[in-house]
Amino acid sequence: MDFRDALTPAGHRIAEGRDRTVGGALADPRQRFLSLGGVVRPEAALRIMGALDRHVFDVLPEVSHPIAEAAIRNARKNYVEKLDKTMHWKTSLMQNMRSKAALAARRAGIVDLLKSDHFHAFAQALAGRRLRRPWGIQVSCYRHGDYSGPHTDHHPEDKRARDGYVDIHISLANDAVAHQYLVYEHDGHFSESVAVATLGGVTAYRLPFWHYTTPLIAKPGREAEARRWLLLGTFLYA
């Protein structure tokens, strides 16, 4: 599927640069984050999610970075603790297109979706500036209890990314999910949050900034089936 085929008329207006409400919003240094609904057709979202369930879930690697025990055990002073990035989820950056996950994502049509020109145009319209080609893609899946801890997505050692870049996320949560939230900083505090357990919702990030994703919580008795897929594109400035 081409990303074009998944969009609603509102999504097409954004990708074609005809939306004056959110078009170019991330060009404003004060605007770090956008949450958009009504841009992906529900039937397309269901079709994409079904393909991910059938072809990708079983081969998607699980990644687990727990809190280090030494963070508490080795502490010698009060209130100077440090927390490395923690996470638990299934994910693949799709850097090796011969990996099992990447081959499965290609069979499912996900690679074509995320590599489509229309996806680039959509991201560029929100960014309000030219974005490089090619761009990075990632496929992730949150299950009951999965989360991503506080982090900035800052890459000061990479001269292409150290001055900032744009991420676009497509969220595909099934009916077994009760809730999951993205929490992000505003004026130096984790004071903003948005529900991300959506079917076809799109979030856009002008990175880096502090944020984290709360544990996905399933509806009672549906823990084993609850999933939220996350399709991601990472775009560097041209």
C-alpha atoms as a PDB file:
ATOM      1  CA  MET A   1       0.000   0.000   0.000  1.00  0.00           C
ATOM      2  CA  ASP A   2       1.157   3.514  -0.795  1.00  0.00           C
ATOM      3  CA  PHE A   3       0.713   5.992   2.059  1.00  0.00           C
ATOM      4  CA  ARG A   4      -1.442   8.023  -0.333  1.00  0.00           C
ATOM      5  CA  ASP A   5      -4.040   5.244  -0.364  1.00  0.00           C
ATOM      6  CA  ALA A   6      -4.347   5.278   3.452  1.00  0.00           C
ATOM      7  CA  LEU A   7      -5.146   8.987   3.748  1.00  0.00           C
ATOM      8  CA  THR A   8      -8.471  10.724   4.251  1.00  0.00           C
ATOM      9  CA  PRO A   9      -9.217  13.960   2.343  1.00  0.00           C
ATOM     10  CA  ALA A  10      -7.830  15.844   5.369  1.00  0.00           C
ATOM     11  CA  GLY A  11      -4.636  13.792   5.169  1.00  0.00           C
ATOM     12  CA  HIS A  12      -4.307  14.556   1.467  1.00  0.00           C
ATOM     13  CA  ARG A  13      -4.643  18.283   2.151  1.00  0.00           C
ATOM     14  CA  ILE A  14      -1.706  18.093   4.559  1.00  0.00           C
ATOM     15  CA  ALA A  15       0.490  16.029   2.208  1.00  0.00           C
ATOM     16  CA  GLU A  16      -0.261  18.352  -0.708  1.00  0.00           C
ATOM     17  CA  GLY A  17       0.555  21.482   1.297  1.00  0.00           C
ATOM     18  CA  ARG A  18      -3.023  22.781   1.278  1.00  0.00           C
ATOM     19  CA  ASP A  19      -3.665  22.665   5.038  1.00  0.00           C
ATOM     20  CA  ARG A  20      -3.108  26.039   6.696  1.00  0.00           C
ATOM     21  CA  THR A  21      -3.901  24.780  10.212  1.00  0.00           C
ATOM     22  CA  VAL A  22      -1.023  22.345  10.805  1.00  0.00           C
ATOM     23  CA  GLY A  23       1.000  22.807   7.635  1.00  0.00           C
ATOM     24  CA  GLY A  24       4.484  23.994   8.584  1.00  0.00           C
ATOM     25  CA  ALA A  25       3.648  23.882  12.296  1.00  0.00           C
ATOM     26  CA  LEU A  26       6.896  22.170  13.291  1.00  0.00           C
ATOM     27  CA  ALA A  27       8.942  24.969  11.723  1.00  0.00           C
ATOM     28  CA  ASP A  28       8.135  27.000  14.828  1.00  0.00           C
ATOM     29  CA  PRO A  29      10.870  26.261  17.420  1.00  0.00           C
ATOM     30  CA  ARG A  30       8.236  26.480  20.158  1.00  0.00           C
ATOM     31  CA  GLN A  31       6.139  23.736  18.537  1.00  0.00           C
ATOM     32  CA  ARG A  32       7.707  20.395  19.439  1.00  0.00           C
ATOM     33  CA  PHE A  33       4.792  18.021  19.077  1.00  0.00           C
ATOM     34  CA  LEU A  34       1.572  17.502  17.117  1.00  0.00           C
ATOM     35  CA  SER A  35      -1.185  14.930  17.584  1.00  0.00           C
ATOM     36  CA  LEU A  36      -3.459  14.495  14.570  1.00  0.00           C
ATOM     37  CA  GLY A  37      -6.648  12.516  14.092  1.00  0.00           C
ATOM     38  CA  GLY A  38      -8.779  11.986  11.027  1.00  0.00           C
ATOM     39  CA  VAL A  39      -5.893  11.754   8.564  1.00  0.00           C
ATOM     40  CA  VAL A  40      -5.752   7.949   8.107  1.00  0.00           C
ATOM     41  CA  ARG A  41      -8.832   6.071   6.903  1.00  0.00           C
ATOM     42  CA  PRO A  42     -10.097   3.612   9.567  1.00  0.00           C
ATOM     43  CA  GLU A  43     -10.507   0.789   7.036  1.00  0.00           C
ATOM     44  CA  ALA A  44      -6.941   1.309   5.846  1.00  0.00           C
ATOM     45  CA  ALA A  45      -5.687   1.325   9.445  1.00  0.00           C
ATOM     46  CA  LEU A  46      -7.446  -1.986  10.112  1.00  0.00           C
ATOM     47  CA  ARG A  47      -5.998  -3.512   6.956  1.00  0.00           C
ATOM     48  CA  ILE A  48      -2.462  -2.396   7.852  1.00  0.00           C
ATOM     49  CA  MET A  49      -2.833  -3.661  11.416  1.00  0.00           C
ATOM     50  CA  GLY A  50      -4.081  -7.028  10.162  1.00  0.00           C
ATOM     51  CA  ALA A  51      -1.065  -7.395   7.874  1.00  0.00           C
ATOM     52  CA  LEU A  52       1.271  -6.562  10.761  1.00  0.00           C
ATOM     53  CA  ASP A  53      -0.418  -9.143  12.992  1.00  0.00           C
ATOM     54  CA  ARG A  54      -0.208 -11.860  10.354  1.00  0.00           C
ATOM     55  CA  HIS A  55       3.254 -11.275   8.944  1.00  0.00           C
ATOM     56  CA  VAL A  56       5.393  -9.247  11.360  1.00  0.00           C
ATOM     57  CA  PHE A  57       4.473  -9.862  15.003  1.00  0.00           C
ATOM     58  CA  ASP A  58       6.084 -13.283  15.414  1.00  0.00           C
ATOM     59  CA  VAL A  59       9.438 -12.233  13.904  1.00  0.00           C
ATOM     60  CA  LEU A  60       9.687  -8.755  15.431  1.00  0.00           C
ATOM     61  CA  PRO A  61      12.543  -8.780  17.995  1.00  0.00           C
ATOM     62  CA  GLU A  62      11.788  -8.091  21.641  1.00  0.00           C
ATOM     63  CA  VAL A  63      13.908  -5.365  23.226  1.00  0.00           C
ATOM     64  CA  SER A  64      14.240  -5.076  27.009  1.00  0.00           C
ATOM     65  CA  HIS A  65      16.372  -2.497  28.836  1.00  0.00           C
ATOM     66  CA  PRO A  66      15.380  -2.677  32.524  1.00  0.00           C
ATOM     67  CA  ILE A  67      16.389  -0.320  35.303  1.00  0.00           C
ATOM     68  CA  ALA A  68      19.927  -1.204  36.394  1.00  0.00           C
ATOM     69  CA  GLU A  69      20.022  -2.583  39.938  1.00  0.00           C
ATOM     70  CA  ALA A  70      23.260  -0.656  40.484  1.00  0.00           C
ATOM     71  CA  ALA A  71      21.369   2.617  40.075  1.00  0.00           C
ATOM     72  CA  ILE A  72      20.177   2.154  43.664  1.00  0.00           C
ATOM     73  CA  ARG A  73      22.733  -0.272  45.107  1.00  0.00           C
ATOM     74  CA  ASN A  74      25.776   1.823  44.204  1.00  0.00           C
ATOM     75  CA  ALA A  75      24.324   5.208  45.169  1.00  0.00           C
ATOM     76  CA  ARG A  76      26.336   7.070  47.818  1.00  0.00           C
ATOM     77  CA  LYS A  77      24.544  10.450  47.930  1.00  0.00           C
ATOM     78  CA  ASN A  78      20.914  11.482  48.277  1.00  0.00           C
ATOM     79  CA  TYR A  79      18.978  12.647  45.200  1.00  0.00           C
ATOM     80  CA  VAL A  80      21.764  12.254  42.633  1.00  0.00           C
ATOM     81  CA  GLU A  81      20.375   9.140  40.953  1.00  0.00           C
ATOM     82  CA  LYS A  82      20.480   8.841  37.155  1.00  0.00           C
ATOM     83  CA  LEU A  83      18.179   6.779  34.983  1.00  0.00           C
ATOM     84  CA  ASP A  84      19.390   5.422  31.657  1.00  0.00           C
ATOM     85  CA  LYS A  85      16.837   4.932  28.897  1.00  0.00           C
ATOM     86  CA  THR A  86      14.621   1.997  29.805  1.00  0.00           C
ATOM     87  CA  MET A  87      12.150   0.146  27.592  1.00  0.00           C
ATOM     88  CA  HIS A  88      10.294  -3.059  26.955  1.00  0.00           C
ATOM     89  CA  TRP A  89       8.645  -3.680  23.584  1.00  0.00           C
ATOM     90  CA  LYS A  90       9.064  -5.383  20.212  1.00  0.00           C
ATOM     91  CA  THR A  91      10.824  -3.272  17.597  1.00  0.00           C
ATOM     92  CA  SER A  92      13.057  -3.190  14.533  1.00  0.00           C
ATOM     93  CA  LEU A  93      14.776  -0.174  12.969  1.00  0.00           C
ATOM     94  CA  MET A  94      14.652  -1.837   9.534  1.00  0.00           C
ATOM     95  CA  GLN A  95      18.281  -0.925   8.853  1.00  0.00           C
ATOM     96  CA  ASN A  96      19.068  -4.410   7.562  1.00  0.00           C
ATOM     97  CA  MET A  97      16.491  -5.050   4.869  1.00  0.00           C
ATOM     98  CA  ARG A  98      17.473  -8.741   4.836  1.00  0.00           C
ATOM     99  CA  SER A  99      16.480  -9.285   8.464  1.00  0.00           C
ATOM    100  CA  LYS A 100      13.465 -11.478   9.204  1.00  0.00           C
ATOM    101  CA  ALA A 101      11.505  -8.485  10.474  1.00  0.00           C
ATOM    102  CA  ALA A 102      12.279  -6.334   7.425  1.00  0.00           C
ATOM    103  CA  LEU A 103      11.470  -9.113   4.964  1.00  0.00           C
ATOM    104  CA  ALA A 104       8.183  -9.750   6.761  1.00  0.00           C
ATOM    105  CA  ALA A 105       7.381  -6.024   6.783  1.00  0.00           C
ATOM    106  CA  ARG A 106       8.048  -5.882   3.052  1.00  0.00           C
ATOM    107  CA  ARG A 107       5.721  -8.852   2.427  1.00  0.00           C
ATOM    108  CA  ALA A 108       3.065  -7.098   4.491  1.00  0.00           C
ATOM    109  CA  GLY A 109       3.406  -3.914   2.416  1.00  0.00           C
ATOM    110  CA  ILE A 110       4.682  -1.879   5.364  1.00  0.00           C
ATOM    111  CA  VAL A 111       8.042  -0.979   3.802  1.00  0.00           C
ATOM    112  CA  ASP A 112       6.327   0.386   0.687  1.00  0.00           C
ATOM    113  CA  LEU A 113       3.943   2.352   2.922  1.00  0.00           C
ATOM    114  CA  LEU A 114       6.736   3.973   4.944  1.00  0.00           C
ATOM    115  CA  LYS A 115       9.040   4.512   1.971  1.00  0.00           C
ATOM    116  CA  SER A 116       6.388   6.095  -0.245  1.00  0.00           C
ATOM    117  CA  ASP A 117       6.884   9.585  -1.640  1.00  0.00           C
ATOM    118  CA  HIS A 118       3.566  10.625  -0.144  1.00  0.00           C
ATOM    119  CA  PHE A 119       4.794   9.782   3.360  1.00  0.00           C
ATOM    120  CA  HIS A 120       7.823  12.006   2.754  1.00  0.00           C
ATOM    121  CA  ALA A 121       5.558  14.771   1.435  1.00  0.00           C
ATOM    122  CA  PHE A 122       3.315  14.469   4.501  1.00  0.00           C
ATOM    123  CA  ALA A 123       6.292  14.767   6.859  1.00  0.00           C
ATOM    124  CA  GLN A 124       7.774  17.670   4.903  1.00  0.00           C
ATOM    125  CA  ALA A 125       4.472  19.543   4.969  1.00  0.00           C
ATOM    126  CA  LEU A 126       4.334  19.323   8.773  1.00  0.00           C
ATOM    127  CA  ALA A 127       8.032  20.160   9.122  1.00  0.00           C
ATOM    128  CA  GLY A 128       7.694  23.316   7.048  1.00  0.00           C
ATOM    129  CA  ARG A 129      11.123  22.757   5.495  1.00  0.00           C
ATOM    130  CA  ARG A 130      12.863  20.402   3.101  1.00  0.00           C
ATOM    131  CA  LEU A 131      13.648  16.926   4.431  1.00  0.00           C
ATOM    132  CA  ARG A 132      16.346  14.576   3.192  1.00  0.00           C
ATOM    133  CA  ARG A 133      16.012  11.408   1.186  1.00  0.00           C
ATOM    134  CA  PRO A 134      16.273   8.577   2.023  1.00  0.00           C
ATOM    135  CA  TRP A 135      14.858   8.435   5.548  1.00  0.00           C
ATOM    136  CA  GLY A 136      14.836   5.884   8.342  1.00  0.00           C
ATOM    137  CA  ILE A 137      11.883   3.647   9.148  1.00  0.00           C
ATOM    138  CA  GLN A 138      10.994   1.587  12.210  1.00  0.00           C
ATOM    139  CA  VAL A 139       8.238  -0.864  13.141  1.00  0.00           C
ATOM    140  CA  SER A 140       7.359  -1.383  16.807  1.00  0.00           C
ATOM    141  CA  CYS A 141       4.680  -3.124  18.826  1.00  0.00           C
ATOM    142  CA  TYR A 142       3.600  -2.432  22.403  1.00  0.00           C
ATOM    143  CA  ARG A 143       1.878  -5.246  24.322  1.00  0.00           C
ATOM    144  CA  HIS A 144       0.293  -5.146  27.771  1.00  0.00           C
ATOM    145  CA  GLY A 145       2.860  -3.579  30.120  1.00  0.00           C
ATOM    146  CA  ASP A 146       5.252  -2.474  27.365  1.00  0.00           C
ATOM    147  CA  TYR A 147       6.609   1.072  27.596  1.00  0.00           C
ATOM    148  CA  SER A 148       9.466   3.413  26.690  1.00  0.00           C
ATOM    149  CA  GLY A 149      11.057   5.376  29.539  1.00  0.00           C
ATOM    150  CA  PRO A 150      12.114   9.047  29.638  1.00  0.00           C
ATOM    151  CA  HIS A 151      14.512  10.029  26.850  1.00  0.00           C
ATOM    152  CA  THR A 152      15.275  12.909  24.480  1.00  0.00           C
ATOM    153  CA  ASP A 153      16.189  11.255  21.144  1.00  0.00           C
ATOM    154  CA  HIS A 154      19.133  13.660  21.004  1.00  0.00           C
ATOM    155  CA  HIS A 155      22.139  12.600  18.886  1.00  0.00           C
ATOM    156  CA  PRO A 156      24.896  15.168  19.526  1.00  0.00           C
ATOM    157  CA  GLU A 157      27.575  12.890  18.022  1.00  0.00           C
ATOM    158  CA  ASP A 158      25.790  12.772  14.649  1.00  0.00           C
ATOM    159  CA  LYS A 159      26.342  16.075  12.834  1.00  0.00           C
ATOM    160  CA  ARG A 160      23.347  15.391  10.566  1.00  0.00           C
ATOM    161  CA  ALA A 161      20.930  14.994  13.482  1.00  0.00           C
ATOM    162  CA  ARG A 162      22.439  16.990  16.340  1.00  0.00           C
ATOM    163  CA  ASP A 163      20.567  20.174  15.393  1.00  0.00           C
ATOM    164  CA  GLY A 164      17.233  18.390  15.272  1.00  0.00           C
ATOM    165  CA  TYR A 165      15.075  16.263  13.005  1.00  0.00           C
ATOM    166  CA  VAL A 166      11.475  15.129  12.552  1.00  0.00           C
ATOM    167  CA  ASP A 167       9.761  11.865  13.493  1.00  0.00           C
ATOM    168  CA  ILE A 168       6.326  10.867  12.202  1.00  0.00           C
ATOM    169  CA  HIS A 169       4.446   8.092  14.060  1.00  0.00           C
ATOM    170  CA  ILE A 170       1.369   6.188  12.886  1.00  0.00           C
ATOM    171  CA  SER A 171      -0.464   4.478  15.762  1.00  0.00           C
ATOM    172  CA  LEU A 172      -2.551   1.329  15.303  1.00  0.00           C
ATOM    173  CA  ALA A 173      -4.118   0.099  18.547  1.00  0.00           C
ATOM    174  CA  ASN A 174      -6.528  -2.817  18.625  1.00  0.00           C
ATOM    175  CA  ASP A 175      -9.800  -3.020  20.545  1.00  0.00           C
ATOM    176  CA  ALA A 176      -8.196  -4.866  23.472  1.00  0.00           C
ATOM    177  CA  VAL A 177      -6.185  -1.795  24.510  1.00  0.00           C
ATOM    178  CA  ALA A 178      -7.597   0.308  27.347  1.00  0.00           C
ATOM    179  CA  HIS A 179      -5.069   3.150  27.254  1.00  0.00           C
ATOM    180  CA  GLN A 180      -1.520   4.349  26.664  1.00  0.00           C
ATOM    181  CA  TYR A 181      -0.169   7.898  26.874  1.00  0.00           C
ATOM    182  CA  LEU A 182       2.731   9.925  25.599  1.00  0.00           C
ATOM    183  CA  VAL A 183       4.018  12.302  28.297  1.00  0.00           C
ATOM    184  CA  TYR A 184       6.282  15.161  27.245  1.00  0.00           C
ATOM    185  CA  GLU A 185       7.987  18.182  28.712  1.00  0.00           C
ATOM    186  CA  HIS A 186       6.734  21.743  28.609  1.00  0.00           C
ATOM    187  CA  ASP A 187       8.696  24.579  30.207  1.00  0.00           C
ATOM    188  CA  GLY A 188      11.049  22.037  31.759  1.00  0.00           C
ATOM    189  CA  HIS A 189       8.409  19.782  33.313  1.00  0.00           C
ATOM    190  CA  PHE A 190       6.665  16.557  32.284  1.00  0.00           C
ATOM    191  CA  SER A 191       3.373  18.438  32.305  1.00  0.00           C
ATOM    192  CA  GLU A 192       1.815  17.488  28.959  1.00  0.00           C
ATOM    193  CA  SER A 193       0.251  14.198  27.912  1.00  0.00           C
ATOM    194  CA  VAL A 194      -1.783  12.833  25.020  1.00  0.00           C
ATOM    195  CA  ALA A 195      -3.578   9.521  24.492  1.00  0.00           C
ATOM    196  CA  VAL A 196      -1.801   7.511  21.783  1.00  0.00           C
ATOM    197  CA  ALA A 197      -3.840   4.273  21.817  1.00  0.00           C
ATOM    198  CA  THR A 198      -5.563   5.283  18.591  1.00  0.00           C
ATOM    199  CA  LEU A 199      -6.478   3.543  15.361  1.00  0.00           C
ATOM    200  CA  GLY A 200      -4.685   5.544  12.692  1.00  0.00           C
ATOM    201  CA  GLY A 201      -3.720   8.546  14.779  1.00  0.00           C
ATOM    202  CA  VAL A 202      -0.581  10.397  13.691  1.00  0.00           C
ATOM    203  CA  THR A 203       1.899  12.129  15.969  1.00  0.00           C
ATOM    204  CA  ALA A 204       4.723  14.354  14.757  1.00  0.00           C
ATOM    205  CA  TYR A 205       7.835  15.263  16.733  1.00  0.00           C
ATOM    206  CA  ARG A 206      10.340  18.072  16.322  1.00  0.00           C
ATOM    207  CA  LEU A 207      13.181  16.394  18.193  1.00  0.00           C
ATOM    208  CA  PRO A 208      15.006  16.446  20.524  1.00  0.00           C
ATOM    209  CA  PHE A 209      12.893  16.935  23.650  1.00  0.00           C
ATOM    210  CA  TRP A 210      12.099  14.945  26.791  1.00  0.00           C
ATOM    211  CA  HIS A 211       9.244  12.442  26.534  1.00  0.00           C
ATOM    212  CA  TYR A 212       8.189   8.940  27.492  1.00  0.00           C
ATOM    213  CA  THR A 213       5.457   6.425  26.705  1.00  0.00           C
ATOM    214  CA  THR A 214       3.486   4.974  29.603  1.00  0.00           C
ATOM    215  CA  PRO A 215       2.886   1.214  29.896  1.00  0.00           C
ATOM    216  CA  LEU A 216       0.187  -0.023  27.568  1.00  0.00           C
ATOM    217  CA  ILE A 217      -2.768  -1.213  29.645  1.00  0.00           C
ATOM    218  CA  ALA A 218      -5.173  -3.808  28.291  1.00  0.00           C
ATOM    219  CA  LYS A 219      -8.863  -4.050  28.972  1.00  0.00           C
ATOM    220  CA  PRO A 220      -9.536  -6.529  31.820  1.00  0.00           C
ATOM    221  CA  GLY A 221      -9.145 -10.125  30.685  1.00  0.00           C
ATOM    222  CA  ARG A 222      -7.682  -9.162  27.281  1.00  0.00           C
ATOM    223  CA  GLU A 223      -4.027  -8.780  28.251  1.00  0.00           C
ATOM    224  CA  ALA A 224      -2.786 -11.446  25.838  1.00  0.00           C
ATOM    225  CA  GLU A 225      -4.351  -9.847  22.758  1.00  0.00           C
ATOM    226  CA  ALA A 226      -3.749  -6.148  23.425  1.00  0.00           C
ATOM    227  CA  ARG A 227      -1.362  -4.557  20.925  1.00  0.00           C
ATOM    228  CA  ARG A 228      -0.492  -1.104  19.659  1.00  0.00           C
ATOM    229  CA  TRP A 229       1.555  -1.038  16.505  1.00  0.00           C
ATOM    230  CA  LEU A 230       3.739   1.984  15.843  1.00  0.00           C
ATOM    231  CA  LEU A 231       5.019   2.809  12.357  1.00  0.00           C
ATOM    232  CA  LEU A 232       7.735   5.425  12.352  1.00  0.00           C
ATOM    233  CA  GLY A 233       9.645   7.558   9.875  1.00  0.00           C
ATOM    234  CA  THR A 234      12.729   9.568  10.862  1.00  0.00           C
ATOM    235  CA  PHE A 235      13.512  12.532   8.610  1.00  0.00           C
ATOM    236  CA  LEU A 236      16.697  14.616   8.661  1.00  0.00           C
ATOM    237  CA  TYR A 237      16.669  18.236   7.526  1.00  0.00           C
ATOM    238  CA  ALA A 238      18.000  18.851   4.020  1.00  0.00           C
END
